[in-house]
PDB file of N, CA and C in Angstrom:
ATOM      1  N   UNK A   1       6.058 -23.939 -83.030  1.00  0.00           N
ATOM      2  CA  UNK A   1       6.528 -22.918 -82.136  1.00  0.00           C
ATOM      3  C   UNK A   1       7.201 -23.525 -80.912  1.00  0.00           C
ATOM      4  N   UNK A   2       6.773 -24.718 -80.527  1.00  0.00           N
ATOM      5  CA  UNK A   2       7.346 -25.396 -79.369  1.00  0.00           C
ATOM      6  C   UNK A   2       8.834 -25.683 -79.569  1.00  0.00           C
ATOM      7  N   UNK A   3       9.233 -26.053 -80.796  1.00  0.00           N
ATOM      8  CA  UNK A   3      10.634 -26.358 -81.060  1.00  0.00           C
ATOM      9  C   UNK A   3      11.500 -25.110 -80.949  1.00  0.00           C
ATOM     10  N   UNK A   4      10.942 -23.939 -81.300  1.00  0.00           N
ATOM     11  CA  UNK A   4      11.696 -22.694 -81.203  1.00  0.00           C
ATOM     12  C   UNK A   4      11.988 -22.350 -79.742  1.00  0.00           C
ATOM     13  N   UNK A   5      11.004 -22.512 -78.892  1.00  0.00           N
ATOM     14  CA  UNK A   5      11.202 -22.270 -77.460  1.00  0.00           C
ATOM     15  C   UNK A   5      12.223 -23.239 -76.883  1.00  0.00           C
ATOM     16  N   UNK A   6      12.136 -24.504 -77.248  1.00  0.00           N
ATOM     17  CA  UNK A   6      13.105 -25.496 -76.775  1.00  0.00           C
ATOM     18  C   UNK A   6      14.508 -25.154 -77.250  1.00  0.00           C
ATOM     19  N   UNK A   7      14.631 -24.736 -78.491  1.00  0.00           N
ATOM     20  CA  UNK A   7      15.915 -24.336 -79.059  1.00  0.00           C
ATOM     21  C   UNK A   7      16.512 -23.162 -78.286  1.00  0.00           C
ATOM     22  N   UNK A   8      15.716 -22.138 -78.010  1.00  0.00           N
ATOM     23  CA  UNK A   8      16.202 -20.974 -77.273  1.00  0.00           C
ATOM     24  C   UNK A   8      16.560 -21.324 -75.830  1.00  0.00           C
ATOM     25  N   UNK A   9      15.790 -22.191 -75.213  1.00  0.00           N
ATOM     26  CA  UNK A   9      16.099 -22.605 -73.844  1.00  0.00           C
ATOM     27  C   UNK A   9      17.381 -23.431 -73.792  1.00  0.00           C
ATOM     28  N   UNK A  10      17.629 -24.257 -74.812  1.00  0.00           N
ATOM     29  CA  UNK A  10      18.888 -25.000 -74.873  1.00  0.00           C
ATOM     30  C   UNK A  10      20.070 -24.051 -75.025  1.00  0.00           C
ATOM     31  N   UNK A  11      19.910 -23.014 -75.840  1.00  0.00           N
ATOM     32  CA  UNK A  11      20.974 -22.017 -76.000  1.00  0.00           C
ATOM     33  C   UNK A  11      21.238 -21.305 -74.680  1.00  0.00           C
ATOM     34  N   UNK A  12      20.188 -20.963 -73.960  1.00  0.00           N
ATOM     35  CA  UNK A  12      20.350 -20.333 -72.648  1.00  0.00           C
ATOM     36  C   UNK A  12      21.039 -21.273 -71.665  1.00  0.00           C
ATOM     37  N   UNK A  13      20.704 -22.552 -71.722  1.00  0.00           N
ATOM     38  CA  UNK A  13      21.346 -23.541 -70.848  1.00  0.00           C
ATOM     39  C   UNK A  13      22.840 -23.645 -71.143  1.00  0.00           C
ATOM     40  N   UNK A  14      23.218 -23.573 -72.413  1.00  0.00           N
ATOM     41  CA  UNK A  14      24.637 -23.622 -72.775  1.00  0.00           C
ATOM     42  C   UNK A  14      25.365 -22.376 -72.266  1.00  0.00           C
ATOM     43  N   UNK A  15      24.737 -21.218 -72.364  1.00  0.00           N
ATOM     44  CA  UNK A  15      25.349 -19.984 -71.859  1.00  0.00           C
ATOM     45  C   UNK A  15      25.533 -20.060 -70.350  1.00  0.00           C
ATOM     46  N   UNK A  16      24.528 -20.549 -69.643  1.00  0.00           N
ATOM     47  CA  UNK A  16      24.649 -20.683 -68.184  1.00  0.00           C
ATOM     48  C   UNK A  16      25.734 -21.694 -67.811  1.00  0.00           C
ATOM     49  N   UNK A  17      25.864 -22.749 -68.588  1.00  0.00           N
ATOM     50  CA  UNK A  17      26.928 -23.731 -68.356  1.00  0.00           C
ATOM     51  C   UNK A  17      28.287 -23.090 -68.553  1.00  0.00           C
ATOM     52  N   UNK A  18      28.402 -22.237 -69.559  1.00  0.00           N
ATOM     53  CA  UNK A  18      29.647 -21.499 -69.791  1.00  0.00           C
ATOM     54  C   UNK A  18      30.007 -20.655 -68.575  1.00  0.00           C
ATOM     55  N   UNK A  19      29.012 -20.056 -67.955  1.00  0.00           N
ATOM     56  CA  UNK A  19      29.255 -19.217 -66.775  1.00  0.00           C
ATOM     57  C   UNK A  19      29.634 -20.050 -65.552  1.00  0.00           C
ATOM     58  N   UNK A  20      29.170 -21.281 -65.481  1.00  0.00           N
ATOM     59  CA  UNK A  20      29.413 -22.119 -64.304  1.00  0.00           C
ATOM     60  C   UNK A  20      30.694 -22.944 -64.382  1.00  0.00           C
ATOM     61  N   UNK A  21      31.131 -23.305 -65.582  1.00  0.00           N
ATOM     62  CA  UNK A  21      32.277 -24.201 -65.746  1.00  0.00           C
ATOM     63  C   UNK A  21      33.429 -23.511 -66.452  1.00  0.00           C
ATOM     64  N   UNK A  22      34.623 -23.848 -66.041  1.00  0.00           N
ATOM     65  CA  UNK A  22      35.799 -23.331 -66.728  1.00  0.00           C
ATOM     66  C   UNK A  22      36.154 -24.163 -67.956  1.00  0.00           C
ATOM     67  N   UNK A  23      35.644 -25.384 -68.059  1.00  0.00           N
ATOM     68  CA  UNK A  23      35.973 -26.266 -69.161  1.00  0.00           C
ATOM     69  C   UNK A  23      35.126 -26.076 -70.396  1.00  0.00           C
ATOM     70  N   UNK A  24      34.181 -25.122 -70.357  1.00  0.00           N
ATOM     71  CA  UNK A  24      33.301 -24.855 -71.497  1.00  0.00           C
ATOM     72  C   UNK A  24      33.383 -23.360 -71.800  1.00  0.00           C
ATOM     73  N   UNK A  25      33.564 -23.038 -73.080  1.00  0.00           N
ATOM     74  CA  UNK A  25      33.653 -21.633 -73.483  1.00  0.00           C
ATOM     75  C   UNK A  25      32.711 -21.355 -74.657  1.00  0.00           C
ATOM     76  N   UNK A  26      31.965 -20.263 -74.534  1.00  0.00           N
ATOM     77  CA  UNK A  26      31.098 -19.781 -75.601  1.00  0.00           C
ATOM     78  C   UNK A  26      31.588 -18.388 -75.976  1.00  0.00           C
ATOM     79  N   UNK A  27      31.806 -18.143 -77.262  1.00  0.00           N
ATOM     80  CA  UNK A  27      32.394 -16.881 -77.717  1.00  0.00           C
ATOM     81  C   UNK A  27      31.366 -15.776 -77.936  1.00  0.00           C
ATOM     82  N   UNK A  28      30.091 -16.054 -77.833  1.00  0.00           N
ATOM     83  CA  UNK A  28      29.085 -15.014 -78.047  1.00  0.00           C
ATOM     84  C   UNK A  28      27.702 -15.605 -78.186  1.00  0.00           C
ATOM     85  N   UNK A  29      26.758 -14.750 -78.541  1.00  0.00           N
ATOM     86  CA  UNK A  29      25.370 -15.187 -78.638  1.00  0.00           C
ATOM     87  C   UNK A  29      25.124 -16.085 -79.854  1.00  0.00           C
ATOM     88  N   UNK A  30      25.755 -15.784 -80.977  1.00  0.00           N
ATOM     89  CA  UNK A  30      25.567 -16.621 -82.165  1.00  0.00           C
ATOM     90  C   UNK A  30      26.108 -18.035 -81.955  1.00  0.00           C
ATOM     91  N   UNK A  31      27.320 -18.210 -81.399  1.00  0.00           N
ATOM     92  CA  UNK A  31      27.761 -19.568 -81.101  1.00  0.00           C
ATOM     93  C   UNK A  31      26.862 -20.271 -80.080  1.00  0.00           C
ATOM     94  N   UNK A  32      26.284 -19.515 -79.147  1.00  0.00           N
ATOM     95  CA  UNK A  32      25.366 -20.126 -78.171  1.00  0.00           C
ATOM     96  C   UNK A  32      24.113 -20.647 -78.869  1.00  0.00           C
ATOM     97  N   UNK A  33      23.563 -19.854 -79.791  1.00  0.00           N
ATOM     98  CA  UNK A  33      22.384 -20.307 -80.539  1.00  0.00           C
ATOM     99  C   UNK A  33      22.716 -21.515 -81.409  1.00  0.00           C
ATOM    100  N   UNK A  34      23.894 -21.456 -82.052  1.00  0.00           N
ATOM    101  CA  UNK A  34      24.311 -22.587 -82.886  1.00  0.00           C
ATOM    102  C   UNK A  34      24.588 -23.826 -82.029  1.00  0.00           C
ATOM    103  N   UNK A  35      25.120 -23.635 -80.821  1.00  0.00           N
ATOM    104  CA  UNK A  35      25.377 -24.760 -79.921  1.00  0.00           C
ATOM    105  C   UNK A  35      24.069 -25.409 -79.478  1.00  0.00           C
ATOM    106  N   UNK A  36      23.060 -24.601 -79.207  1.00  0.00           N
ATOM    107  CA  UNK A  36      21.749 -25.150 -78.856  1.00  0.00           C
ATOM    108  C   UNK A  36      21.183 -26.006 -79.985  1.00  0.00           C
ATOM    109  N   UNK A  37      21.348 -25.512 -81.216  1.00  0.00           N
ATOM    110  CA  UNK A  37      20.874 -26.277 -82.379  1.00  0.00           C
ATOM    111  C   UNK A  37      21.707 -27.535 -82.573  1.00  0.00           C
ATOM    112  N   UNK A  38      23.030 -27.414 -82.433  1.00  0.00           N
ATOM    113  CA  UNK A  38      23.904 -28.570 -82.623  1.00  0.00           C
ATOM    114  C   UNK A  38      23.619 -29.639 -81.570  1.00  0.00           C
ATOM    115  N   UNK A  39      23.396 -29.238 -80.332  1.00  0.00           N
ATOM    116  CA  UNK A  39      23.068 -30.227 -79.293  1.00  0.00           C
ATOM    117  C   UNK A  39      21.763 -30.941 -79.613  1.00  0.00           C
ATOM    118  N   UNK A  40      20.789 -30.190 -80.108  1.00  0.00           N
ATOM    119  CA  UNK A  40      19.528 -30.825 -80.487  1.00  0.00           C
ATOM    120  C   UNK A  40      19.697 -31.822 -81.617  1.00  0.00           C
ATOM    121  N   UNK A  41      20.474 -31.459 -82.617  1.00  0.00           N
ATOM    122  CA  UNK A  41      20.694 -32.342 -83.768  1.00  0.00           C
ATOM    123  C   UNK A  41      21.499 -33.574 -83.367  1.00  0.00           C
ATOM    124  N   UNK A  42      22.576 -33.357 -82.620  1.00  0.00           N
ATOM    125  CA  UNK A  42      23.422 -34.486 -82.190  1.00  0.00           C
ATOM    126  C   UNK A  42      22.640 -35.424 -81.276  1.00  0.00           C
ATOM    127  N   UNK A  43      21.854 -34.865 -80.364  1.00  0.00           N
ATOM    128  CA  UNK A  43      21.073 -35.714 -79.460  1.00  0.00           C
ATOM    129  C   UNK A  43      19.939 -36.437 -80.174  1.00  0.00           C
ATOM    130  N   UNK A  44      19.480 -35.883 -81.278  1.00  0.00           N
ATOM    131  CA  UNK A  44      18.412 -36.538 -82.034  1.00  0.00           C
ATOM    132  C   UNK A  44      18.936 -37.671 -82.906  1.00  0.00           C
ATOM    133  N   UNK A  45      20.083 -37.466 -83.548  1.00  0.00           N
ATOM    134  CA  UNK A  45      20.559 -38.434 -84.534  1.00  0.00           C
ATOM    135  C   UNK A  45      21.714 -39.319 -84.040  1.00  0.00           C
ATOM    136  N   UNK A  46      22.705 -38.754 -83.368  1.00  0.00           N
ATOM    137  CA  UNK A  46      23.884 -39.524 -82.979  1.00  0.00           C
ATOM    138  C   UNK A  46      23.709 -40.265 -81.654  1.00  0.00           C
ATOM    139  N   UNK A  47      23.073 -39.635 -80.678  1.00  0.00           N
ATOM    140  CA  UNK A  47      22.954 -40.237 -79.350  1.00  0.00           C
ATOM    141  C   UNK A  47      22.243 -41.601 -79.371  1.00  0.00           C
ATOM    142  N   UNK A  48      21.125 -41.766 -80.092  1.00  0.00           N
ATOM    143  CA  UNK A  48      20.494 -43.096 -80.119  1.00  0.00           C
ATOM    144  C   UNK A  48      21.410 -44.179 -80.703  1.00  0.00           C
ATOM    145  N   UNK A  49      22.198 -43.829 -81.714  1.00  0.00           N
ATOM    146  CA  UNK A  49      23.123 -44.796 -82.308  1.00  0.00           C
ATOM    147  C   UNK A  49      24.199 -45.181 -81.292  1.00  0.00           C
ATOM    148  N   UNK A  50      24.750 -44.174 -80.605  1.00  0.00           N
ATOM    149  CA  UNK A  50      25.760 -44.456 -79.586  1.00  0.00           C
ATOM    150  C   UNK A  50      25.193 -45.303 -78.454  1.00  0.00           C
ATOM    151  N   UNK A  51      23.965 -44.997 -78.045  1.00  0.00           N
ATOM    152  CA  UNK A  51      23.343 -45.780 -76.977  1.00  0.00           C
ATOM    153  C   UNK A  51      23.124 -47.230 -77.404  1.00  0.00           C
ATOM    154  N   UNK A  52      22.761 -47.437 -78.657  1.00  0.00           N
ATOM    155  CA  UNK A  52      22.567 -48.802 -79.155  1.00  0.00           C
ATOM    156  C   UNK A  52      23.879 -49.571 -79.166  1.00  0.00           C
ATOM    157  N   UNK A  53      24.946 -48.942 -79.692  1.00  0.00           N
ATOM    158  CA  UNK A  53      26.236 -49.624 -79.777  1.00  0.00           C
ATOM    159  C   UNK A  53      26.877 -49.857 -78.410  1.00  0.00           C
ATOM    160  N   UNK A  54      26.582 -49.006 -77.448  1.00  0.00           N
ATOM    161  CA  UNK A  54      27.197 -49.147 -76.123  1.00  0.00           C
ATOM    162  C   UNK A  54      26.258 -49.813 -75.112  1.00  0.00           C
ATOM    163  N   UNK A  55      25.169 -50.396 -75.594  1.00  0.00           N
ATOM    164  CA  UNK A  55      24.198 -51.017 -74.697  1.00  0.00           C
ATOM    165  C   UNK A  55      24.815 -52.080 -73.779  1.00  0.00           C
ATOM    166  N   UNK A  56      25.665 -52.975 -74.283  1.00  0.00           N
ATOM    167  CA  UNK A  56      26.256 -53.962 -73.348  1.00  0.00           C
ATOM    168  C   UNK A  56      27.096 -53.294 -72.254  1.00  0.00           C
ATOM    169  N   UNK A  57      27.869 -52.300 -72.619  1.00  0.00           N
ATOM    170  CA  UNK A  57      28.680 -51.595 -71.630  1.00  0.00           C
ATOM    171  C   UNK A  57      27.803 -50.807 -70.654  1.00  0.00           C
ATOM    172  N   UNK A  58      26.730 -50.251 -71.165  1.00  0.00           N
ATOM    173  CA  UNK A  58      25.793 -49.531 -70.308  1.00  0.00           C
ATOM    174  C   UNK A  58      25.138 -50.483 -69.314  1.00  0.00           C
ATOM    175  N   UNK A  59      24.779 -51.663 -69.768  1.00  0.00           N
ATOM    176  CA  UNK A  59      24.181 -52.640 -68.865  1.00  0.00           C
ATOM    177  C   UNK A  59      25.201 -53.126 -67.839  1.00  0.00           C
ATOM    178  N   UNK A  60      26.434 -53.322 -68.269  1.00  0.00           N
ATOM    179  CA  UNK A  60      27.485 -53.773 -67.361  1.00  0.00           C
ATOM    180  C   UNK A  60      27.746 -52.756 -66.256  1.00  0.00           C
ATOM    181  N   UNK A  61      27.653 -51.465 -66.590  1.00  0.00           N
ATOM    182  CA  UNK A  61      27.893 -50.410 -65.600  1.00  0.00           C
ATOM    183  C   UNK A  61      26.603 -49.928 -64.939  1.00  0.00           C
ATOM    184  N   UNK A  62      25.529 -50.665 -65.142  1.00  0.00           N
ATOM    185  CA  UNK A  62      24.223 -50.348 -64.568  1.00  0.00           C
ATOM    186  C   UNK A  62      23.744 -48.937 -64.947  1.00  0.00           C
ATOM    187  N   UNK A  63      23.991 -48.556 -66.187  1.00  0.00           N
ATOM    188  CA  UNK A  63      23.488 -47.304 -66.723  1.00  0.00           C
ATOM    189  C   UNK A  63      24.428 -46.121 -66.594  1.00  0.00           C
ATOM    190  N   UNK A  64      25.511 -46.268 -65.860  1.00  0.00           N
ATOM    191  CA  UNK A  64      26.413 -45.137 -65.644  1.00  0.00           C
ATOM    192  C   UNK A  64      27.172 -44.724 -66.901  1.00  0.00           C
ATOM    193  N   UNK A  65      27.318 -45.633 -67.858  1.00  0.00           N
ATOM    194  CA  UNK A  65      28.035 -45.289 -69.084  1.00  0.00           C
ATOM    195  C   UNK A  65      27.271 -44.259 -69.921  1.00  0.00           C
ATOM    196  N   UNK A  66      25.992 -44.072 -69.642  1.00  0.00           N
ATOM    197  CA  UNK A  66      25.211 -43.060 -70.350  1.00  0.00           C
ATOM    198  C   UNK A  66      25.801 -41.672 -70.112  1.00  0.00           C
ATOM    199  N   UNK A  67      26.393 -41.456 -68.936  1.00  0.00           N
ATOM    200  CA  UNK A  67      27.047 -40.174 -68.672  1.00  0.00           C
ATOM    201  C   UNK A  67      28.215 -39.942 -69.632  1.00  0.00           C
ATOM    202  N   UNK A  68      28.937 -41.012 -69.962  1.00  0.00           N
ATOM    203  CA  UNK A  68      30.047 -40.907 -70.909  1.00  0.00           C
ATOM    204  C   UNK A  68      29.509 -40.624 -72.315  1.00  0.00           C
ATOM    205  N   UNK A  69      28.426 -41.279 -72.684  1.00  0.00           N
ATOM    206  CA  UNK A  69      27.800 -41.033 -73.993  1.00  0.00           C
ATOM    207  C   UNK A  69      27.343 -39.573 -74.078  1.00  0.00           C
ATOM    208  N   UNK A  70      26.777 -39.039 -72.999  1.00  0.00           N
ATOM    209  CA  UNK A  70      26.362 -37.635 -72.993  1.00  0.00           C
ATOM    210  C   UNK A  70      27.562 -36.708 -73.154  1.00  0.00           C
ATOM    211  N   UNK A  71      28.686 -37.029 -72.511  1.00  0.00           N
ATOM    212  CA  UNK A  71      29.900 -36.225 -72.665  1.00  0.00           C
ATOM    213  C   UNK A  71      30.407 -36.280 -74.104  1.00  0.00           C
ATOM    214  N   UNK A  72      30.314 -37.447 -74.719  1.00  0.00           N
ATOM    215  CA  UNK A  72      30.741 -37.585 -76.120  1.00  0.00           C
ATOM    216  C   UNK A  72      29.865 -36.732 -77.032  1.00  0.00           C
ATOM    217  N   UNK A  73      28.556 -36.775 -76.845  1.00  0.00           N
ATOM    218  CA  UNK A  73      27.670 -35.982 -77.700  1.00  0.00           C
ATOM    219  C   UNK A  73      27.877 -34.483 -77.465  1.00  0.00           C
ATOM    220  N   UNK A  74      28.161 -34.085 -76.238  1.00  0.00           N
ATOM    221  CA  UNK A  74      28.445 -32.677 -75.941  1.00  0.00           C
ATOM    222  C   UNK A  74      29.713 -32.233 -76.662  1.00  0.00           C
ATOM    223  N   UNK A  75      30.731 -33.101 -76.670  1.00  0.00           N
ATOM    224  CA  UNK A  75      31.978 -32.795 -77.364  1.00  0.00           C
ATOM    225  C   UNK A  75      31.773 -32.723 -78.873  1.00  0.00           C
ATOM    226  N   UNK A  76      31.008 -33.653 -79.429  1.00  0.00           N
ATOM    227  CA  UNK A  76      30.740 -33.643 -80.878  1.00  0.00           C
ATOM    228  C   UNK A  76      30.020 -32.354 -81.262  1.00  0.00           C
ATOM    229  N   UNK A  77      29.067 -31.927 -80.447  1.00  0.00           N
ATOM    230  CA  UNK A  77      28.376 -30.668 -80.734  1.00  0.00           C
ATOM    231  C   UNK A  77      29.357 -29.499 -80.729  1.00  0.00           C
ATOM    232  N   UNK A  78      30.339 -29.535 -79.832  1.00  0.00           N
ATOM    233  CA  UNK A  78      31.327 -28.442 -79.798  1.00  0.00           C
ATOM    234  C   UNK A  78      32.230 -28.469 -81.030  1.00  0.00           C
ATOM    235  N   UNK A  79      32.469 -29.640 -81.596  1.00  0.00           N
ATOM    236  CA  UNK A  79      33.260 -29.732 -82.825  1.00  0.00           C
ATOM    237  C   UNK A  79      32.533 -29.095 -84.005  1.00  0.00           C
ATOM    238  N   UNK A  80      31.217 -29.127 -83.982  1.00  0.00           N
ATOM    239  CA  UNK A  80      30.418 -28.622 -85.091  1.00  0.00           C
ATOM    240  C   UNK A  80      30.242 -27.104 -85.080  1.00  0.00           C
ATOM    241  N   UNK A  81      30.462 -26.480 -83.927  1.00  0.00           N
ATOM    242  CA  UNK A  81      30.168 -25.056 -83.776  1.00  0.00           C
ATOM    243  C   UNK A  81      31.435 -24.270 -83.466  1.00  0.00           C
ATOM    244  N   UNK A  82      31.861 -23.405 -84.378  1.00  0.00           N
ATOM    245  CA  UNK A  82      32.992 -22.539 -84.057  1.00  0.00           C
ATOM    246  C   UNK A  82      32.586 -21.535 -82.974  1.00  0.00           C
ATOM    247  N   UNK A  83      33.434 -21.372 -81.990  1.00  0.00           N
ATOM    248  CA  UNK A  83      33.129 -20.476 -80.882  1.00  0.00           C
ATOM    249  C   UNK A  83      32.528 -21.181 -79.692  1.00  0.00           C
ATOM    250  N   UNK A  84      32.279 -22.471 -79.813  1.00  0.00           N
ATOM    251  CA  UNK A  84      31.810 -23.308 -78.701  1.00  0.00           C
ATOM    252  C   UNK A  84      32.897 -24.331 -78.449  1.00  0.00           C
ATOM    253  N   UNK A  85      33.634 -24.148 -77.359  1.00  0.00           N
ATOM    254  CA  UNK A  85      34.789 -24.995 -77.081  1.00  0.00           C
ATOM    255  C   UNK A  85      34.610 -25.756 -75.777  1.00  0.00           C
ATOM    256  N   UNK A  86      34.899 -27.041 -75.840  1.00  0.00           N
ATOM    257  CA  UNK A  86      34.988 -27.881 -74.648  1.00  0.00           C
ATOM    258  C   UNK A  86      36.467 -28.182 -74.474  1.00  0.00           C
ATOM    259  N   UNK A  87      37.026 -27.749 -73.363  1.00  0.00           N
ATOM    260  CA  UNK A  87      38.476 -27.772 -73.194  1.00  0.00           C
ATOM    261  C   UNK A  87      39.032 -29.105 -72.723  1.00  0.00           C
ATOM    262  N   UNK A  88      38.243 -29.905 -72.012  1.00  0.00           N
ATOM    263  CA  UNK A  88      38.745 -31.178 -71.494  1.00  0.00           C
ATOM    264  C   UNK A  88      37.570 -32.122 -71.239  1.00  0.00           C
ATOM    265  N   UNK A  89      37.906 -33.344 -70.828  1.00  0.00           N
ATOM    266  CA  UNK A  89      36.848 -34.324 -70.579  1.00  0.00           C
ATOM    267  C   UNK A  89      35.948 -33.895 -69.431  1.00  0.00           C
ATOM    268  N   UNK A  90      36.531 -33.289 -68.403  1.00  0.00           N
ATOM    269  CA  UNK A  90      35.720 -32.805 -67.281  1.00  0.00           C
ATOM    270  C   UNK A  90      34.713 -31.764 -67.727  1.00  0.00           C
ATOM    271  N   UNK A  91      35.144 -30.885 -68.635  1.00  0.00           N
ATOM    272  CA  UNK A  91      34.220 -29.896 -69.177  1.00  0.00           C
ATOM    273  C   UNK A  91      33.094 -30.540 -69.959  1.00  0.00           C
ATOM    274  N   UNK A  92      33.417 -31.579 -70.719  1.00  0.00           N
ATOM    275  CA  UNK A  92      32.392 -32.291 -71.484  1.00  0.00           C
ATOM    276  C   UNK A  92      31.444 -33.043 -70.555  1.00  0.00           C
ATOM    277  N   UNK A  93      32.005 -33.732 -69.568  1.00  0.00           N
ATOM    278  CA  UNK A  93      31.208 -34.535 -68.637  1.00  0.00           C
ATOM    279  C   UNK A  93      30.263 -33.650 -67.834  1.00  0.00           C
ATOM    280  N   UNK A  94      30.833 -32.652 -67.141  1.00  0.00           N
ATOM    281  CA  UNK A  94      30.009 -31.777 -66.309  1.00  0.00           C
ATOM    282  C   UNK A  94      29.169 -30.828 -67.147  1.00  0.00           C
ATOM    283  N   UNK A  95      29.680 -30.437 -68.308  1.00  0.00           N
ATOM    284  CA  UNK A  95      28.905 -29.569 -69.199  1.00  0.00           C
ATOM    285  C   UNK A  95      27.633 -30.246 -69.674  1.00  0.00           C
ATOM    286  N   UNK A  96      27.735 -31.522 -70.019  1.00  0.00           N
ATOM    287  CA  UNK A  96      26.548 -32.265 -70.452  1.00  0.00           C
ATOM    288  C   UNK A  96      25.549 -32.398 -69.312  1.00  0.00           C
ATOM    289  N   UNK A  97      26.046 -32.673 -68.115  1.00  0.00           N
ATOM    290  CA  UNK A  97      25.145 -32.825 -66.966  1.00  0.00           C
ATOM    291  C   UNK A  97      24.475 -31.502 -66.622  1.00  0.00           C
ATOM    292  N   UNK A  98      25.268 -30.438 -66.519  1.00  0.00           N
ATOM    293  CA  UNK A  98      24.720 -29.141 -66.129  1.00  0.00           C
ATOM    294  C   UNK A  98      23.778 -28.597 -67.201  1.00  0.00           C
ATOM    295  N   UNK A  99      24.174 -28.725 -68.470  1.00  0.00           N
ATOM    296  CA  UNK A  99      23.301 -28.261 -69.554  1.00  0.00           C
ATOM    297  C   UNK A  99      21.985 -29.040 -69.544  1.00  0.00           C
ATOM    298  N   UNK A 100      22.058 -30.332 -69.327  1.00  0.00           N
ATOM    299  CA  UNK A 100      20.840 -31.144 -69.269  1.00  0.00           C
ATOM    300  C   UNK A 100      19.923 -30.745 -68.130  1.00  0.00           C
ATOM    301  N   UNK A 101      20.499 -30.522 -66.953  1.00  0.00           N
ATOM    302  CA  UNK A 101      19.686 -30.145 -65.794  1.00  0.00           C
ATOM    303  C   UNK A 101      19.066 -28.766 -65.994  1.00  0.00           C
ATOM    304  N   UNK A 102      19.872 -27.795 -66.438  1.00  0.00           N
ATOM    305  CA  UNK A 102      19.353 -26.442 -66.647  1.00  0.00           C
ATOM    306  C   UNK A 102      18.284 -26.443 -67.738  1.00  0.00           C
ATOM    307  N   UNK A 103      18.525 -27.149 -68.821  1.00  0.00           N
ATOM    308  CA  UNK A 103      17.551 -27.223 -69.907  1.00  0.00           C
ATOM    309  C   UNK A 103      16.254 -27.865 -69.427  1.00  0.00           C
ATOM    310  N   UNK A 104      16.365 -28.916 -68.646  1.00  0.00           N
ATOM    311  CA  UNK A 104      15.179 -29.592 -68.101  1.00  0.00           C
ATOM    312  C   UNK A 104      14.387 -28.646 -67.206  1.00  0.00           C
ATOM    313  N   UNK A 105      15.099 -27.923 -66.315  1.00  0.00           N
ATOM    314  CA  UNK A 105      14.421 -26.988 -65.416  1.00  0.00           C
ATOM    315  C   UNK A 105      13.744 -25.860 -66.190  1.00  0.00           C
ATOM    316  N   UNK A 106      14.461 -25.284 -67.163  1.00  0.00           N
ATOM    317  CA  UNK A 106      13.872 -24.204 -67.954  1.00  0.00           C
ATOM    318  C   UNK A 106      12.663 -24.682 -68.749  1.00  0.00           C
ATOM    319  N   UNK A 107      12.764 -25.863 -69.354  1.00  0.00           N
ATOM    320  CA  UNK A 107      11.622 -26.404 -70.104  1.00  0.00           C
ATOM    321  C   UNK A 107      10.443 -26.676 -69.181  1.00  0.00           C
ATOM    322  N   UNK A 108      10.717 -27.143 -67.966  1.00  0.00           N
ATOM    323  CA  UNK A 108       9.647 -27.403 -67.012  1.00  0.00           C
ATOM    324  C   UNK A 108       8.962 -26.092 -66.602  1.00  0.00           C
ATOM    325  N   UNK A 109       9.739 -25.049 -66.380  1.00  0.00           N
ATOM    326  CA  UNK A 109       9.175 -23.755 -65.993  1.00  0.00           C
ATOM    327  C   UNK A 109       8.320 -23.185 -67.125  1.00  0.00           C
ATOM    328  N   UNK A 110       8.844 -23.207 -68.351  1.00  0.00           N
ATOM    329  CA  UNK A 110       8.104 -22.603 -69.454  1.00  0.00           C
ATOM    330  C   UNK A 110       6.960 -23.478 -69.948  1.00  0.00           C
ATOM    331  N   UNK A 111       7.008 -24.767 -69.727  1.00  0.00           N
ATOM    332  CA  UNK A 111       5.870 -25.634 -70.072  1.00  0.00           C
ATOM    333  C   UNK A 111       4.704 -25.348 -69.135  1.00  0.00           C
ATOM    334  N   UNK A 112       4.999 -24.982 -67.867  1.00  0.00           N
ATOM    335  CA  UNK A 112       3.985 -24.684 -66.883  1.00  0.00           C
ATOM    336  C   UNK A 112       3.167 -23.459 -67.273  1.00  0.00           C
ATOM    337  N   UNK A 113       3.818 -22.468 -67.872  1.00  0.00           N
ATOM    338  CA  UNK A 113       3.154 -21.204 -68.165  1.00  0.00           C
ATOM    339  C   UNK A 113       2.308 -21.254 -69.423  1.00  0.00           C
ATOM    340  N   UNK A 114       2.370 -22.329 -70.195  1.00  0.00           N
ATOM    341  CA  UNK A 114       1.569 -22.385 -71.410  1.00  0.00           C
ATOM    342  C   UNK A 114       0.256 -23.043 -71.178  1.00  0.00           C
TER     343      UNK A 114
END
């Protein structure tokens, strides 16, 4: 049941990101739910591989390259979901940051109530 709540909170975070940024577009509730699932899948399987391959660059930039990896995974998730569009690199960069922060805050709030 915990994964279902996390999935729904990620979908809500993507919708809120759509409302805050012009570079991210969600066409409806179904694409938002699919985007939440796609972000979870991409972050589970692709992100660790990208982090491993970019480890030297991440170390050279003192960890700042992780923001670029997050933007890449956000863009890949948008490629997988019709109706979830990232319009430019700024949308991917800030979308990943804002979605991550909102998702973290929502998970923290709902973890407290259980």
